[in-house]
């Protein structure tokens, strides 16, 4: 019976080399990835590295009052937009009754954040009453229209499928059928200039039909506005459709393939608030590329099926509807049959970033108020640098005190503790450096505090294990069996302790925002790494050192001297001789 036990013990103790090799490979791989990515230092937060501060002023021009409830809702939506996963350390907070301050740390795409933070993301589906090309677009197209393109206004040009990518066609047909898209159904975008729009740009009387919407385009004022609209001029584009209500006929602009088009649009048939879900997807079946898929709620699906059914009965351009985002037409597909099922796509020459940006704004909903950018300033990190220096100094002093305590109390065992702390520090640093470009993690002062607190958490794990080993030695066991017997008991205690710390960090991360989330994220990360280091480094290293004479013999300087620990006589020496002696005498 004794031989199998020794065999199992030897087998269990032959594995520490594998665990140490595994964690060494992980460190080398992560460090190599850090250098290959070019991000060799963690991305710093706005309080340490500076950044951009944006001041926005609320405008009550959407029928909503400027009150605390609406301001708080706007802060929440903006925070979700710019903070994504919640660890990029962007700050959104109110200032006074009408202003919102957005602080974006250095290293974040501040231009994209500025484009998203105050955007109302008002999306409407409006019937097209008339359309006409008005001029060549500027060299740099508007960001909100860059996700779609349209062919030059020649009689032989047409768009194919639901995408806005131009293709040539010798004879465009008003009754074009679906291109086989499972989601978009019978949508087919066509860029042939409106048959009802005259050469001068004025809508003809035939454009007054709306496919059942009941909207008339014969109003003289609106006709004059449409005729005078030149969408190739930015000043006119910015004012096109300004102040128009969803229930009113309006004008709009859209840029497609380098050409600006003007539109006469009927009342909104479906609102963007009735979009249940929006996400960016890459179409692998066709050449459409990146698209934004939308799923409507039950009310929106019913409206969408109804309007597409009515538009399908008309001829061009009255069978088109404009997808209008913040007053700009981003797509104008034609309809050949009713689209049911509550699913649709916005497709075109989107890049991945453009598709994700649009889906992000639509998913997070429209702001209850509109906002005007008042100022954009650059924030310096002078004060934060001083605080970081003070924090790092405090952390260094604390670490030095921990090391002094370990050396004085545990002596030789302090080598294991300090090596484990070093491995934990390397893993933490490398992972933080990689998380900067990966998920936007920014190291701020609270995050530094979380890392300093982690020193104590990691040291606690070592102390628990060391004390369990000492307890076994006090019971009279030699070091090698003491190391193996102490591990199961220490392991349970370490896991419970780390679980409590991780749970606290997770709750803090969920219920807070901004800088406090940085502290919670760092605390949770270092807690997980503590488990990894203890299991894959500390325990295997202790198993290997137990085979060394310096530790196995119980040297006075090893920290495991049985005499100084008050050990009992060895258990096996007191039990083994008794039974065999009586057996031989018998």
Protein backbone atom coordinates (compact mmCIF):
# COMPACT_ATOMS: atom_id res chain seq x y z
CA UNK A 1 0.00 0.00 0.00
CA UNK A 2 2.89 2.35 0.66
CA UNK A 3 4.45 2.03 -2.80
CA UNK A 4 1.43 3.30 -4.78
CA UNK A 5 1.12 6.32 -2.51
CA UNK A 6 4.75 7.20 -3.03
CA UNK A 7 4.26 6.68 -6.76
CA UNK A 8 1.31 9.07 -6.89
CA UNK A 9 3.17 11.62 -4.81
CA UNK A 10 6.18 11.43 -7.10
CA UNK A 11 3.92 11.78 -10.14
CA UNK A 12 2.21 14.83 -8.68
CA UNK A 13 5.56 16.40 -7.86
CA UNK A 14 6.96 15.78 -11.34
CA UNK A 15 4.60 18.33 -12.92
CA UNK A 16 5.90 21.66 -11.55
CA UNK A 17 8.27 22.05 -14.49
CA UNK A 18 5.35 21.96 -16.91
CA UNK A 19 3.44 24.68 -15.07
CA UNK A 20 6.51 26.91 -14.86
CA UNK A 21 7.23 26.39 -18.56
CA UNK A 22 3.61 27.23 -19.40
CA UNK A 23 3.61 30.53 -17.55
CA UNK A 24 7.03 31.38 -18.98
CA UNK A 25 5.71 30.78 -22.51
CA UNK A 26 2.68 32.97 -21.74
CA UNK A 27 4.91 35.82 -20.52
CA UNK A 28 7.15 35.58 -23.59
CA UNK A 29 4.15 35.46 -25.96
CA UNK A 30 2.41 38.43 -24.35
CA UNK A 31 5.62 40.46 -24.20
CA UNK A 32 6.33 39.67 -27.85
CA UNK A 33 2.81 40.72 -28.79
CA UNK A 34 3.29 43.96 -26.89
CA UNK A 35 6.46 44.83 -28.81
CA UNK A 36 5.01 43.73 -32.15
CA UNK A 37 1.94 45.92 -31.63
CA UNK A 38 4.17 48.92 -30.94
CA UNK A 39 2.32 49.73 -27.69
CA UNK A 40 5.03 49.16 -25.11
CA UNK A 41 3.49 51.35 -22.41
CA UNK A 42 -0.06 51.45 -21.00
CA UNK A 43 -2.30 54.15 -22.41
CA UNK A 44 -2.67 56.89 -19.80
CA UNK A 45 -5.89 58.55 -18.76
CA UNK A 46 -6.72 62.22 -19.10
CA UNK A 47 -5.52 62.97 -15.56
CA UNK A 48 -2.07 61.54 -16.35
CA UNK A 49 -1.49 62.22 -20.05
CA UNK A 50 -3.92 65.03 -20.81
CA UNK A 51 -6.59 64.95 -23.49
CA UNK A 52 -9.55 66.84 -24.93
CA UNK A 53 -12.34 68.53 -23.00
CA UNK A 54 -15.58 69.30 -24.88
CA UNK A 55 -18.26 71.62 -23.54
CA UNK A 56 -21.77 71.09 -24.95
CA UNK A 57 -24.77 73.35 -24.41
CA UNK A 58 -28.29 71.92 -24.49
CA UNK A 59 -30.84 73.37 -26.93
CA UNK A 60 -34.56 72.94 -26.45
CA UNK A 61 -35.37 72.67 -30.16
CA UNK A 62 -36.72 69.11 -30.25
CA UNK A 63 -39.84 69.68 -28.22
CA UNK A 64 -38.18 68.49 -24.99
CA UNK A 65 -37.63 70.69 -21.96
CA UNK A 66 -34.16 71.25 -20.52
CA UNK A 67 -34.55 69.69 -17.10
CA UNK A 68 -32.56 67.42 -14.82
CA UNK A 69 -34.21 64.23 -16.07
CA UNK A 70 -33.41 64.94 -19.73
CA UNK A 71 -29.89 66.10 -18.90
CA UNK A 72 -29.22 62.93 -16.88
CA UNK A 73 -30.56 60.81 -19.75
CA UNK A 74 -28.30 62.63 -22.21
CA UNK A 75 -25.27 62.08 -19.93
CA UNK A 76 -26.05 58.36 -19.73
CA UNK A 77 -26.37 57.98 -23.52
CA UNK A 78 -23.23 60.03 -24.19
CA UNK A 79 -21.29 58.03 -21.62
CA UNK A 80 -22.29 54.76 -23.30
CA UNK A 81 -21.31 56.14 -26.70
CA UNK A 82 -17.83 57.38 -25.83
CA UNK A 83 -17.01 54.95 -23.03
CA UNK A 84 -17.92 51.73 -24.83
CA UNK A 85 -16.72 49.02 -22.46
CA UNK A 86 -16.42 51.45 -19.62
CA UNK A 87 -12.64 51.29 -19.25
CA UNK A 88 -11.52 53.99 -21.69
CA UNK A 89 -11.79 56.55 -18.87
CA UNK A 90 -13.81 59.11 -20.80
CA UNK A 91 -15.77 61.33 -18.41
CA UNK A 92 -19.23 62.75 -19.06
CA UNK A 93 -20.79 65.01 -16.46
CA UNK A 94 -23.17 67.93 -16.20
CA UNK A 95 -22.08 71.48 -15.42
CA UNK A 96 -24.81 73.79 -14.32
CA UNK A 97 -28.31 73.45 -15.78
CA UNK A 98 -27.55 73.50 -19.52
CA UNK A 99 -23.98 72.28 -20.09
CA UNK A 100 -22.36 68.86 -20.32
CA UNK A 101 -18.58 68.40 -20.07
CA UNK A 102 -16.97 65.48 -21.91
CA UNK A 103 -13.32 64.67 -21.10
CA UNK A 104 -11.62 62.36 -23.61
CA UNK A 105 -8.14 61.03 -22.74
CA UNK A 106 -5.20 61.33 -25.10
CA UNK A 107 -4.95 58.35 -27.42
CA UNK A 108 -8.69 58.11 -28.01
CA UNK A 109 -10.04 59.04 -31.45
CA UNK A 110 -11.23 62.45 -30.28
CA UNK A 111 -12.67 63.38 -33.69
CA UNK A 112 -14.87 60.28 -33.77
CA UNK A 113 -15.88 60.88 -30.16
CA UNK A 114 -16.78 64.49 -30.97
CA UNK A 115 -18.87 63.31 -33.91
CA UNK A 116 -20.78 60.82 -31.76
CA UNK A 117 -21.07 62.51 -28.41
CA UNK A 118 -23.61 65.20 -29.29
CA UNK A 119 -25.22 63.59 -32.30
CA UNK A 120 -28.96 63.21 -31.91
CA UNK A 121 -29.01 60.24 -34.34
CA UNK A 122 -32.54 61.03 -35.52
CA UNK A 123 -33.39 58.44 -38.16
CA UNK A 124 -36.51 58.62 -40.31
CA UNK A 125 -37.79 56.75 -43.33
CA UNK A 126 -39.41 59.32 -45.63
CA UNK A 127 -41.03 58.77 -49.05
CA UNK A 128 -39.09 60.45 -51.88
CA UNK A 129 -41.25 62.93 -53.82
CA UNK A 130 -38.51 64.28 -56.07
CA UNK A 131 -34.74 64.19 -56.45
CA UNK A 132 -32.11 65.82 -58.62
CA UNK A 133 -28.33 66.15 -58.83
CA UNK A 134 -27.07 69.58 -57.86
CA UNK A 135 -23.28 69.47 -58.24
CA UNK A 136 -20.04 67.67 -57.64
CA UNK A 137 -19.25 66.96 -53.99
CA UNK A 138 -16.29 68.43 -52.17
CA UNK A 139 -13.03 66.48 -52.02
CA UNK A 140 -13.74 65.48 -48.43
CA UNK A 141 -17.26 64.08 -48.18
CA UNK A 142 -19.43 64.57 -45.16
CA UNK A 143 -18.76 61.86 -42.57
CA UNK A 144 -22.45 61.04 -42.17
CA UNK A 145 -22.80 60.38 -45.90
CA UNK A 146 -19.58 58.49 -46.39
CA UNK A 147 -21.25 55.18 -45.87
CA UNK A 148 -23.01 55.34 -49.23
CA UNK A 149 -22.32 56.30 -52.78
CA UNK A 150 -24.38 56.99 -55.84
CA UNK A 151 -23.73 56.99 -59.54
CA UNK A 152 -23.40 60.04 -61.68
CA UNK A 153 -26.79 61.30 -62.85
CA UNK A 154 -26.64 59.84 -66.32
CA UNK A 155 -29.69 58.16 -67.81
CA UNK A 156 -27.86 54.86 -68.07
CA UNK A 157 -26.57 54.63 -64.51
CA UNK A 158 -28.28 52.67 -61.80
CA UNK A 159 -27.53 51.30 -58.40
CA UNK A 160 -27.86 47.58 -57.83
CA UNK A 161 -29.05 45.71 -54.78
CA UNK A 162 -29.59 47.39 -51.48
CA UNK A 163 -26.10 48.86 -51.50
CA UNK A 164 -25.33 52.28 -52.87
CA UNK A 165 -22.40 51.15 -54.95
CA UNK A 166 -22.82 52.27 -58.54
CA UNK A 167 -22.98 49.86 -61.42
CA UNK A 168 -23.76 50.54 -65.03
CA UNK A 169 -27.00 49.38 -66.61
CA UNK A 170 -28.18 50.03 -70.10
CA UNK A 171 -31.84 50.22 -69.26
CA UNK A 172 -32.89 50.84 -65.71
CA UNK A 173 -36.33 49.60 -64.91
CA UNK A 174 -38.75 51.00 -62.40
CA UNK A 175 -39.94 47.52 -61.61
CA UNK A 176 -36.53 46.14 -60.71
CA UNK A 177 -36.73 43.08 -58.55
CA UNK A 178 -34.90 42.00 -55.47
CA UNK A 179 -31.31 40.91 -55.73
CA UNK A 180 -31.92 37.90 -53.52
CA UNK A 181 -31.02 39.45 -50.15
CA UNK A 182 -32.65 37.44 -47.38
CA UNK A 183 -32.93 40.38 -45.00
CA UNK A 184 -33.67 43.34 -47.20
CA UNK A 185 -36.22 41.64 -49.33
CA UNK A 186 -37.26 43.66 -52.35
CA UNK A 187 -35.12 46.75 -51.84
CA UNK A 188 -33.25 47.89 -54.92
CA UNK A 189 -31.47 51.24 -54.93
CA UNK A 190 -31.55 53.16 -58.17
CA UNK A 191 -29.76 56.41 -58.89
CA UNK A 192 -31.57 57.47 -62.03
CA UNK A 193 -32.57 61.09 -61.52
CA UNK A 194 -36.18 61.63 -60.72
CA UNK A 195 -38.44 61.43 -63.69
CA UNK A 196 -40.58 64.02 -62.01
CA UNK A 197 -37.79 66.50 -61.35
CA UNK A 198 -37.34 69.07 -64.06
CA UNK A 199 -34.01 70.24 -65.39
CA UNK A 200 -34.24 73.33 -63.28
CA UNK A 201 -34.58 71.29 -60.16
CA UNK A 202 -38.24 72.09 -59.49
CA UNK A 203 -40.53 69.22 -58.66
CA UNK A 204 -43.12 68.59 -61.27
CA UNK A 205 -46.77 68.21 -60.40
CA UNK A 206 -46.46 64.46 -60.88
CA UNK A 207 -44.28 64.36 -57.80
CA UNK A 208 -47.20 65.18 -55.59
CA UNK A 209 -48.23 61.56 -55.32
CA UNK A 210 -46.78 59.96 -52.24
CA UNK A 211 -47.84 56.41 -52.36
CA UNK A 212 -50.55 56.83 -49.78
CA UNK A 213 -48.78 59.19 -47.39
CA UNK A 214 -51.18 62.01 -48.09
CA UNK A 215 -48.37 64.61 -48.38
CA UNK A 216 -48.51 67.19 -51.24
CA UNK A 217 -45.44 68.72 -52.90
CA UNK A 218 -47.39 71.55 -54.55
CA UNK A 219 -46.85 74.05 -51.77
CA UNK A 220 -45.31 77.10 -53.42
CA UNK A 221 -42.92 77.90 -50.60
CA UNK A 222 -41.57 74.38 -50.44
CA UNK A 223 -41.26 74.23 -54.22
CA UNK A 224 -39.25 77.43 -54.20
CA UNK A 225 -37.03 76.12 -51.42
CA UNK A 226 -36.43 72.89 -53.31
CA UNK A 227 -35.72 74.69 -56.59
CA UNK A 228 -33.20 77.04 -54.95
CA UNK A 229 -31.42 74.30 -52.94
CA UNK A 230 -27.84 73.61 -54.02
CA UNK A 231 -26.53 70.70 -51.96
CA UNK A 232 -22.99 71.12 -53.27
CA UNK A 233 -22.72 74.15 -50.99
CA UNK A 234 -22.15 73.30 -47.36
CA UNK A 235 -24.00 76.31 -46.02
CA UNK A 236 -27.16 75.27 -47.83
CA UNK A 237 -26.74 71.62 -46.85
CA UNK A 238 -26.54 72.55 -43.18
CA UNK A 239 -29.83 74.46 -43.41
CA UNK A 240 -31.69 71.96 -45.58
CA UNK A 241 -34.69 70.65 -43.69
CA UNK A 242 -33.77 72.65 -40.58
CA UNK A 243 -36.62 72.75 -38.07
CA UNK A 244 -38.83 70.38 -40.07
CA UNK A 245 -41.06 68.15 -37.99
CA UNK A 246 -41.44 64.44 -38.71
CA UNK A 247 -45.04 65.03 -39.85
CA UNK A 248 -44.06 67.70 -42.40
CA UNK A 249 -42.78 67.53 -45.96
CA UNK A 250 -39.18 68.71 -46.14
CA UNK A 251 -36.05 68.86 -48.25
CA UNK A 252 -32.74 67.09 -47.73
CA UNK A 253 -29.33 66.42 -49.23
CA UNK A 254 -27.32 63.29 -49.86
CA UNK A 255 -23.86 62.68 -51.35
CA UNK A 256 -23.41 59.59 -53.48
CA UNK A 257 -20.26 58.73 -55.41
CA UNK A 258 -18.97 62.28 -55.46
CA UNK A 259 -22.26 63.87 -56.54
CA UNK A 260 -24.62 65.83 -54.31
CA UNK A 261 -28.35 65.15 -54.68
CA UNK A 262 -31.25 67.16 -53.36
CA UNK A 263 -34.47 65.52 -52.25
CA UNK A 264 -38.06 66.47 -51.66
CA UNK A 265 -39.22 64.17 -48.87
CA UNK A 266 -42.66 63.36 -47.53
CA UNK A 267 -43.62 62.99 -43.86
CA UNK A 268 -41.76 60.32 -41.90
CA UNK A 269 -43.36 56.90 -42.24
CA UNK A 270 -41.12 55.13 -39.70
CA UNK A 271 -38.98 56.64 -36.93
CA UNK A 272 -35.55 55.50 -35.86
CA UNK A 273 -36.84 55.04 -32.32
CA UNK A 274 -38.77 52.05 -33.67
CA UNK A 275 -35.49 50.35 -34.57
CA UNK A 276 -35.10 47.63 -31.93
CA UNK A 277 -31.53 46.69 -32.74
CA UNK A 278 -28.79 47.85 -35.09
CA UNK A 279 -25.38 46.28 -35.67
CA UNK A 280 -22.56 46.39 -38.19
CA UNK A 281 -22.05 43.17 -40.15
CA UNK A 282 -19.85 42.15 -43.06
CA UNK A 283 -21.67 40.56 -45.98
CA UNK A 284 -19.61 37.53 -46.99
CA UNK A 285 -22.11 36.29 -49.59
CA UNK A 286 -22.07 39.29 -51.90
CA UNK A 287 -19.77 42.21 -52.64
CA UNK A 288 -21.82 44.60 -50.50
CA UNK A 289 -19.13 44.80 -47.79
CA UNK A 290 -19.96 46.35 -44.44
CA UNK A 291 -23.63 46.94 -43.71
CA UNK A 292 -25.80 48.09 -40.85
CA UNK A 293 -28.62 45.66 -40.14
CA UNK A 294 -31.73 46.88 -38.37
CA UNK A 295 -34.47 45.01 -36.57
CA UNK A 296 -37.70 46.92 -35.99
CA UNK A 297 -40.00 46.50 -33.02
CA UNK A 298 -43.52 45.22 -33.67
CA UNK A 299 -44.92 48.70 -34.27
CA UNK A 300 -42.07 49.72 -36.56
CA UNK A 301 -42.21 46.44 -38.49
CA UNK A 302 -45.90 46.99 -39.20
CA UNK A 303 -45.30 50.58 -40.36
CA UNK A 304 -42.33 49.54 -42.50
CA UNK A 305 -44.29 46.77 -44.20
CA UNK A 306 -47.19 49.18 -44.82
CA UNK A 307 -45.12 52.00 -46.36
CA UNK A 308 -43.01 49.66 -48.52
CA UNK A 309 -46.21 48.00 -49.75
CA UNK A 310 -47.62 51.37 -50.81
CA UNK A 311 -44.40 52.62 -52.38
CA UNK A 312 -44.04 49.42 -54.42
CA UNK A 313 -47.20 50.36 -56.36
CA UNK A 314 -45.66 53.60 -57.66
CA UNK A 315 -43.22 54.38 -60.45
CA UNK A 316 -39.89 56.09 -60.03
CA UNK A 317 -39.06 58.11 -58.05
CA UNK A 318 -42.25 57.68 -56.07
CA UNK A 319 -41.32 54.10 -55.23
CA UNK A 320 -38.24 55.26 -53.34
CA UNK A 321 -37.93 56.16 -49.69
CA UNK A 322 -35.12 58.18 -48.18
CA UNK A 323 -33.29 56.94 -45.12
CA UNK A 324 -32.68 60.27 -43.41
CA UNK A 325 -30.14 60.43 -40.60
CA UNK A 326 -29.91 63.77 -38.79
CA UNK A 327 -31.39 65.57 -41.79
CA UNK A 328 -29.12 63.96 -44.38
CA UNK A 329 -30.19 61.28 -46.85
CA UNK A 330 -27.80 58.36 -46.46
CA UNK A 331 -29.66 56.02 -48.80
CA UNK A 332 -32.64 56.12 -51.18
CA UNK A 333 -33.50 52.57 -52.23
CA UNK A 334 -36.46 51.71 -54.46
CA UNK A 335 -39.15 49.26 -53.42
CA UNK A 336 -40.63 46.59 -55.65
CA UNK A 337 -42.72 44.77 -53.01
CA UNK A 338 -43.72 45.01 -49.37
CA UNK A 339 -40.89 44.19 -46.93
CA UNK A 340 -42.18 42.20 -43.99
CA UNK A 341 -40.52 40.51 -41.07
CA UNK A 342 -39.20 43.65 -39.36
CA UNK A 343 -35.64 43.42 -40.74
CA UNK A 344 -33.79 45.78 -43.08
CA UNK A 345 -30.28 46.87 -44.00
CA UNK A 346 -28.44 50.09 -44.70
CA UNK A 347 -25.68 49.15 -47.09
CA UNK A 348 -23.18 50.97 -49.24
CA UNK A 349 -19.49 51.71 -49.40
CA UNK A 350 -19.20 51.67 -45.61
CA UNK A 351 -15.86 51.12 -43.95
CA UNK A 352 -15.89 49.03 -40.81
CA UNK A 353 -15.49 52.12 -38.62
CA UNK A 354 -18.34 53.97 -40.36
CA UNK A 355 -20.71 51.02 -40.11
CA UNK A 356 -19.92 50.48 -36.45
CA UNK A 357 -20.23 54.18 -35.69
CA UNK A 358 -23.68 54.36 -37.31
CA UNK A 359 -24.84 51.17 -35.58
CA UNK A 360 -23.50 52.50 -32.29
CA UNK A 361 -25.51 55.72 -32.52
CA UNK A 362 -28.69 53.93 -33.58
CA UNK A 363 -28.36 51.27 -30.89
CA UNK A 364 -27.88 53.77 -28.08
CA UNK A 365 -30.82 55.84 -29.23
CA UNK A 366 -31.47 59.50 -29.77
CA UNK A 367 -30.62 62.16 -27.25
CA UNK A 368 -33.66 63.81 -25.65
CA UNK A 369 -32.07 67.22 -26.35
CA UNK A 370 -29.91 68.62 -29.09
CA UNK A 371 -26.50 70.02 -28.15
CA UNK A 372 -24.27 72.69 -29.58
CA UNK A 373 -20.52 72.46 -29.15
CA UNK A 374 -19.40 75.51 -27.20
CA UNK A 375 -15.68 74.89 -26.74
CA UNK A 376 -12.98 72.29 -27.24
CA UNK A 377 -9.88 72.63 -25.10
CA UNK A 378 -6.72 70.63 -24.53
CA UNK A 379 -6.18 69.42 -20.96
CA UNK A 380 -2.64 69.26 -19.60
CA UNK A 381 -1.44 66.50 -17.31
CA UNK A 382 0.90 68.56 -15.08
CA UNK A 383 -1.12 68.04 -11.90
CA UNK A 384 -1.83 64.40 -12.75
CA UNK A 385 1.88 63.82 -13.35
CA UNK A 386 2.70 65.07 -9.88
CA UNK A 387 -0.02 62.89 -8.37
CA UNK A 388 1.24 59.90 -10.33
CA UNK A 389 4.75 60.50 -9.05
CA UNK A 390 3.44 60.68 -5.49
CA UNK A 391 1.33 57.55 -6.01
CA UNK A 392 4.21 55.57 -7.47
CA UNK A 393 6.45 56.71 -4.63
CA UNK A 394 3.86 55.54 -2.10
CA UNK A 395 3.55 52.23 -3.95
CA UNK A 396 7.33 51.77 -3.96
CA UNK A 397 7.52 52.48 -0.22
CA UNK A 398 4.71 50.03 0.45
CA UNK A 399 6.35 47.35 -1.70
CA UNK A 400 9.68 47.89 0.06
CA UNK A 401 8.00 47.46 3.47
CA UNK A 402 6.33 44.24 2.27
CA UNK A 403 9.68 42.88 1.05
CA UNK A 404 11.40 43.80 4.35
CA UNK A 405 8.65 42.03 6.29
CA UNK A 406 8.88 38.91 4.08
CA UNK A 407 12.67 38.73 4.42
CA UNK A 408 12.58 39.24 8.19
CA UNK A 409 9.77 36.79 8.89
CA UNK A 410 10.02 34.17 6.14
CA UNK A 411 13.73 34.46 5.29
CA UNK A 412 14.42 31.98 2.46
CA UNK A 413 10.74 31.72 1.57
CA UNK A 414 10.82 35.42 0.71
CA UNK A 415 12.60 34.41 -2.53
CA UNK A 416 9.43 32.62 -3.64
CA UNK A 417 7.26 35.59 -2.65
CA UNK A 418 9.40 38.20 -4.40
CA UNK A 419 9.71 36.08 -7.56
CA UNK A 420 5.92 35.66 -7.61
CA UNK A 421 5.39 39.40 -7.12
CA UNK A 422 7.76 40.06 -10.03
CA UNK A 423 5.89 37.65 -12.33
CA UNK A 424 2.57 39.21 -11.31
CA UNK A 425 3.93 42.72 -12.00
CA UNK A 426 5.21 41.72 -15.47
CA UNK A 427 1.89 40.12 -16.43
CA UNK A 428 -0.07 43.12 -15.15
CA UNK A 429 2.08 45.62 -17.04
CA UNK A 430 2.06 43.71 -20.33
CA UNK A 431 -1.69 43.06 -20.26
CA UNK A 432 -2.42 46.72 -19.45
CA UNK A 433 -0.25 47.79 -22.38
CA UNK A 434 -2.12 45.42 -24.71
CA UNK A 435 -5.58 46.38 -23.41
CA UNK A 436 -4.99 50.04 -24.35
CA UNK A 437 -5.33 49.57 -28.13
CA UNK A 438 -7.54 46.47 -27.76
CA UNK A 439 -10.44 47.80 -25.66
CA UNK A 440 -9.48 51.40 -24.94
CA UNK A 441 -8.25 50.79 -21.39
CA UNK A 442 -6.66 53.91 -19.92
CA UNK A 443 -4.50 53.87 -16.81
CA UNK A 444 -5.62 56.66 -14.51
CA UNK A 445 -4.81 57.50 -10.91
CA UNK A 446 -7.55 55.27 -9.41
CA UNK A 447 -6.30 52.41 -11.61
CA UNK A 448 -2.81 52.93 -10.22
CA UNK A 449 -4.31 52.72 -6.73
CA UNK A 450 -5.99 49.45 -7.73
CA UNK A 451 -2.63 48.05 -8.84
CA UNK A 452 -1.03 49.09 -5.53
CA UNK A 453 -3.84 47.44 -3.56
CA UNK A 454 -3.18 44.28 -5.59
CA UNK A 455 0.27 44.00 -3.98
CA UNK A 456 -1.42 43.27 -0.68
CA UNK A 457 -3.84 40.78 -2.27
CA UNK A 458 -0.98 38.88 -3.91
CA UNK A 459 1.10 38.90 -0.71
CA UNK A 460 -1.89 37.53 1.24
CA UNK A 461 -2.00 34.48 -1.04
CA UNK A 462 1.66 33.69 -0.39
CA UNK A 463 1.29 34.12 3.34
CA UNK A 464 -1.71 31.77 3.44
CA UNK A 465 0.26 29.06 1.63
CA UNK A 466 3.43 29.54 3.66
CA UNK A 467 1.54 29.34 6.95
CA UNK A 468 -0.20 26.14 5.87
CA UNK A 469 3.22 24.61 5.10
CA UNK A 470 4.51 25.70 8.49
CA UNK A 471 1.48 24.12 10.18
CA UNK A 472 2.27 20.82 8.52
CA UNK A 473 5.90 21.03 9.64
CA UNK A 474 4.74 21.75 13.20
CA UNK A 475 2.76 18.50 12.99
CA UNK A 476 6.03 16.67 12.45
CA UNK A 477 6.08 16.23 8.67
CA UNK A 478 9.10 16.80 6.47
CA UNK A 479 9.05 19.58 3.89
CA UNK A 480 8.13 17.69 0.70
CA UNK A 481 4.94 16.06 2.05
CA UNK A 482 4.18 19.27 3.96
CA UNK A 483 4.21 21.28 0.71
CA UNK A 484 1.78 18.85 -0.97
CA UNK A 485 -0.54 18.45 2.03
CA UNK A 486 -0.68 22.18 2.69
CA UNK A 487 -1.69 23.06 -0.89
CA UNK A 488 -5.33 21.81 -0.91
CA UNK A 489 -6.10 23.67 2.30
CA UNK A 490 -4.35 26.85 1.17
CA UNK A 491 -5.92 26.61 -2.29
CA UNK A 492 -9.47 26.75 -0.93
CA UNK A 493 -8.68 29.75 1.24
CA UNK A 494 -6.95 31.60 -1.62
CA UNK A 495 -9.82 30.97 -4.05
CA UNK A 496 -12.46 32.13 -1.57
CA UNK A 497 -10.47 35.26 -0.73
CA UNK A 498 -9.82 36.14 -4.37
CA UNK A 499 -13.44 35.44 -5.31
CA UNK A 500 -14.65 37.94 -2.71
CA UNK A 501 -12.19 40.56 -4.01
CA UNK A 502 -13.20 39.91 -7.63
CA UNK A 503 -16.91 40.07 -6.75
CA UNK A 504 -16.41 43.43 -5.04
CA UNK A 505 -14.51 44.72 -8.08
CA UNK A 506 -17.22 43.47 -10.47
CA UNK A 507 -20.03 45.13 -8.48
CA UNK A 508 -18.05 48.37 -8.29
CA UNK A 509 -17.39 48.23 -12.04
CA UNK A 510 -21.08 47.72 -12.87
CA UNK A 511 -22.59 50.39 -10.61
CA UNK A 512 -20.04 53.15 -11.26
CA UNK A 513 -18.67 55.05 -14.26
CA UNK A 514 -15.52 56.89 -15.28
CA UNK A 515 -12.47 56.84 -13.06
CA UNK A 516 -13.94 54.59 -10.38
CA UNK A 517 -14.42 51.94 -13.05
CA UNK A 518 -10.70 52.17 -13.76
CA UNK A 519 -9.99 51.25 -10.14
CA UNK A 520 -12.50 48.39 -10.23
CA UNK A 521 -11.20 47.05 -13.55
CA UNK A 522 -7.58 47.05 -12.37
CA UNK A 523 -8.51 45.42 -9.06
CA UNK A 524 -10.45 42.67 -10.84
CA UNK A 525 -7.65 42.11 -13.37
CA UNK A 526 -4.92 41.80 -10.73
CA UNK A 527 -7.11 39.50 -8.64
CA UNK A 528 -7.47 37.10 -11.57
CA UNK A 529 -3.73 37.30 -12.23
CA UNK A 530 -3.08 36.49 -8.56
CA UNK A 531 -4.89 33.16 -9.00
CA UNK A 532 -2.90 32.45 -12.18
CA UNK A 533 0.44 33.24 -10.53
CA UNK A 534 -0.25 31.22 -7.38
CA UNK A 535 -1.40 28.15 -9.31
CA UNK A 536 1.12 28.21 -12.15
CA UNK A 537 4.17 29.75 -10.49
CA UNK A 538 4.17 29.91 -6.69
CA UNK A 539 3.04 26.33 -6.02
CA UNK A 540 5.28 24.69 -8.69
CA UNK A 541 8.28 26.77 -7.59
CA UNK A 542 7.68 25.77 -3.97
CA UNK A 543 7.53 22.11 -5.01
CA UNK A 544 10.90 22.40 -6.76
CA UNK A 545 12.56 24.24 -3.86
CA UNK A 546 11.33 21.59 -1.42
CA UNK A 547 13.72 19.18 -3.16
CA UNK A 548 16.70 21.42 -2.47
CA UNK A 549 18.81 20.57 0.53
CA UNK A 550 18.77 24.14 1.85
CA UNK A 551 14.99 24.03 2.33
CA UNK A 552 14.44 20.28 2.79
CA UNK A 553 16.95 20.07 5.65
CA UNK A 554 15.15 22.83 7.53
CA UNK A 555 18.00 25.32 7.50
CA UNK A 556 17.73 28.13 10.02
CA UNK A 557 17.71 30.68 7.20
CA UNK A 558 15.14 28.86 5.09
CA UNK A 559 12.20 30.03 7.19
CA UNK A 560 11.18 26.39 7.66
CA UNK A 561 13.35 25.35 10.62
CA UNK A 562 11.30 22.72 12.56
CA UNK A 563 12.96 23.64 15.84
CA UNK A 564 12.14 27.35 15.61
CA UNK A 565 8.60 26.45 14.53
CA UNK A 566 8.12 24.18 17.57
CA UNK A 567 7.61 21.02 15.53
CA UNK A 568 6.49 17.74 17.12
CA UNK A 569 8.54 14.56 16.71
CA UNK A 570 8.23 13.07 13.21
CA UNK A 571 4.93 11.24 12.77
CA UNK A 572 6.33 8.24 10.89
CA UNK A 573 9.14 7.53 13.39
CA UNK A 574 6.68 7.23 16.27
CA UNK A 575 4.20 4.98 14.47
CA UNK A 576 6.11 2.65 12.14
CA UNK A 577 8.42 0.74 14.58
CA UNK A 578 5.62 -0.29 16.99
CA UNK A 579 3.48 -2.54 14.76
CA UNK A 580 6.29 -4.57 13.09
CA UNK A 581 8.04 -5.24 16.46
CA UNK A 582 4.95 -6.88 17.96
CA UNK A 583 4.36 -8.87 14.80
CA UNK A 584 7.87 -10.40 14.84
CA UNK A 585 7.59 -11.34 18.53
CA UNK A 586 4.29 -13.06 17.91
